[in-house]
Protein backbone atom coordinates (compact mmCIF):
# COMPACT_ATOMS: atom_id res chain seq x y z
CA MET A 1 48.78 6.63 27.31
CA LYS A 2 51.08 8.00 30.02
CA ILE A 3 53.47 5.05 29.63
CA LYS A 4 53.62 5.50 25.84
CA LEU A 5 54.42 9.20 26.25
CA LEU A 6 57.18 8.43 28.75
CA PHE A 7 58.60 5.77 26.44
CA LEU A 8 58.57 8.16 23.48
CA LEU A 9 60.24 10.84 25.59
CA SER A 10 62.97 8.39 26.61
CA LEU A 11 63.56 7.52 22.95
CA VAL A 12 63.87 11.18 22.02
CA LEU A 13 66.33 11.76 24.86
CA THR A 14 68.28 8.70 23.72
CA ALA A 15 68.47 10.14 20.21
CA PHE A 16 69.95 13.40 21.44
CA ALA A 17 72.21 11.85 24.06
CA PRO A 18 72.99 8.34 22.82
CA HIS A 19 75.61 7.75 25.49
CA ALA A 20 73.67 8.98 28.47
CA ILE A 21 73.18 6.41 31.18
CA GLY A 22 69.67 6.18 32.55
CA ALA A 23 67.26 3.60 33.85
CA ASN A 24 63.80 2.47 32.91
CA SER A 25 60.98 1.75 35.31
CA ASN A 26 62.68 -1.47 36.46
CA ASN A 27 65.97 0.30 37.21
CA CYS A 28 67.45 -1.23 34.08
CA PRO A 29 69.92 0.84 32.04
CA LYS A 30 68.53 2.30 28.82
CA PRO A 31 70.10 1.35 25.49
CA ASP A 32 72.89 3.50 24.11
CA PHE A 33 71.76 2.70 20.57
CA ILE A 34 68.43 1.56 19.11
CA ILE A 35 68.99 -0.12 15.77
CA ASP A 36 66.35 -1.05 13.20
CA VAL A 37 67.77 -3.87 11.05
CA ARG A 38 65.00 -3.74 8.43
CA THR A 39 65.65 -2.46 4.91
CA ALA A 40 65.65 1.26 4.16
CA ASN A 41 62.31 0.81 2.33
CA GLU A 42 60.78 -0.64 5.50
CA PHE A 43 62.43 1.92 7.79
CA THR A 44 61.44 5.10 5.92
CA PRO A 45 57.65 4.97 6.35
CA LYS A 46 57.68 3.81 9.99
CA HIS A 47 60.34 3.44 12.65
CA ILE A 48 60.92 4.16 16.31
CA ASP A 49 62.02 7.73 16.97
CA GLY A 50 65.74 7.81 17.67
CA ALA A 51 66.42 4.51 15.93
CA VAL A 52 69.24 4.17 13.44
CA ASN A 53 68.69 2.10 10.30
CA LEU A 54 71.43 -0.50 9.77
CA PRO A 55 69.96 -3.28 7.59
CA LEU A 56 70.90 -6.83 8.55
CA ASP A 57 72.99 -7.38 5.42
CA GLN A 58 75.13 -4.32 6.30
CA ILE A 59 75.21 -4.30 10.10
CA GLY A 60 78.47 -6.24 10.43
CA THR A 61 80.46 -3.40 8.89
CA SER A 62 78.16 -0.39 9.26
CA ILE A 63 77.95 -0.78 13.05
CA TYR A 64 81.36 0.90 13.23
CA SER A 65 79.99 4.01 11.52
CA LEU A 66 77.99 4.85 14.66
CA LYS A 67 79.69 7.66 16.52
CA GLY A 68 80.74 6.49 19.98
CA ILE A 69 80.03 2.77 19.46
CA ARG A 70 82.00 0.57 21.84
CA LYS A 71 82.10 -3.16 22.49
CA ASP A 72 80.31 -2.50 25.80
CA SER A 73 77.62 -0.20 24.33
CA ARG A 74 74.06 -1.24 25.16
CA ILE A 75 72.47 -2.02 21.79
CA LEU A 76 68.76 -2.70 21.30
CA LEU A 77 67.79 -4.30 17.97
CA TYR A 78 64.41 -4.70 16.31
CA CYS A 79 62.93 -5.59 12.91
CA ALA A 80 59.54 -6.61 11.51
CA THR A 81 59.19 -9.93 13.34
CA GLY A 82 62.28 -10.39 15.51
CA ARG A 83 63.96 -12.89 13.21
CA ARG A 84 66.42 -10.53 11.53
CA SER A 85 67.16 -8.72 14.79
CA GLU A 86 68.05 -12.08 16.34
CA GLN A 87 70.44 -12.79 13.47
CA ALA A 88 71.96 -9.32 13.94
CA ARG A 89 72.31 -9.95 17.70
CA ALA A 90 74.22 -13.17 17.08
CA LEU A 91 76.48 -11.48 14.53
CA LEU A 92 77.30 -8.54 16.79
CA GLU A 93 78.04 -10.85 19.71
CA LYS A 94 80.44 -12.82 17.48
CA GLN A 95 82.15 -9.49 16.76
CA GLY A 96 82.65 -8.95 20.48
CA PHE A 97 79.74 -6.67 21.40
CA ARG A 98 78.76 -7.67 24.93
CA GLN A 99 75.41 -5.98 25.57
CA VAL A 100 73.15 -6.64 22.60
CA GLN A 101 69.45 -7.36 23.05
CA ASN A 102 66.79 -8.38 20.55
CA ALA A 103 63.59 -6.42 21.23
CA GLY A 104 61.76 -8.46 18.60
CA SER A 105 59.32 -6.82 16.23
CA ILE A 106 58.84 -3.10 15.82
CA SER A 107 55.48 -3.35 17.60
CA GLU A 108 57.08 -5.17 20.55
CA ALA A 109 59.85 -2.57 20.69
CA GLU A 110 57.27 0.25 20.53
CA GLN A 111 55.45 -1.20 23.53
CA GLY A 112 58.47 -0.27 25.62
CA LEU A 113 59.72 -3.67 26.63
CA ASN A 114 61.88 -3.39 29.72
CA ILE A 115 65.14 -4.89 28.57
CA CYS A 116 67.82 -5.16 31.24
CA PHE A 117 71.34 -4.82 29.92
CA LYS A 118 73.77 -6.84 32.01
CA PRO A 119 77.44 -7.21 31.12
CA LYS A 120 78.49 -10.71 30.15
């Protein structure tokens, strides 16, 4: 319960300060952006607090609509199963984004996976 509360708090703080640099329990930097690549119909009823909805079929162009996005931004992606977020990861890396991680499914992302962002 305590871990879930801390994770939710970190997501809220990320939403209000998307460019703040922090670290999780493993001294890993937190993501600058959490992106849900599911459709708007999937996103609306349930999503991670602080996540931005950029569906897979739009992410290639809509990623640039995020205020403060940079090629070195730490981006955490998730979807329903991890398949679409993996496709989005590959696409963003082809576009030159260097710190993109696939958190997998929404339930895996909600569990607070400790993703370490390391520059390539």
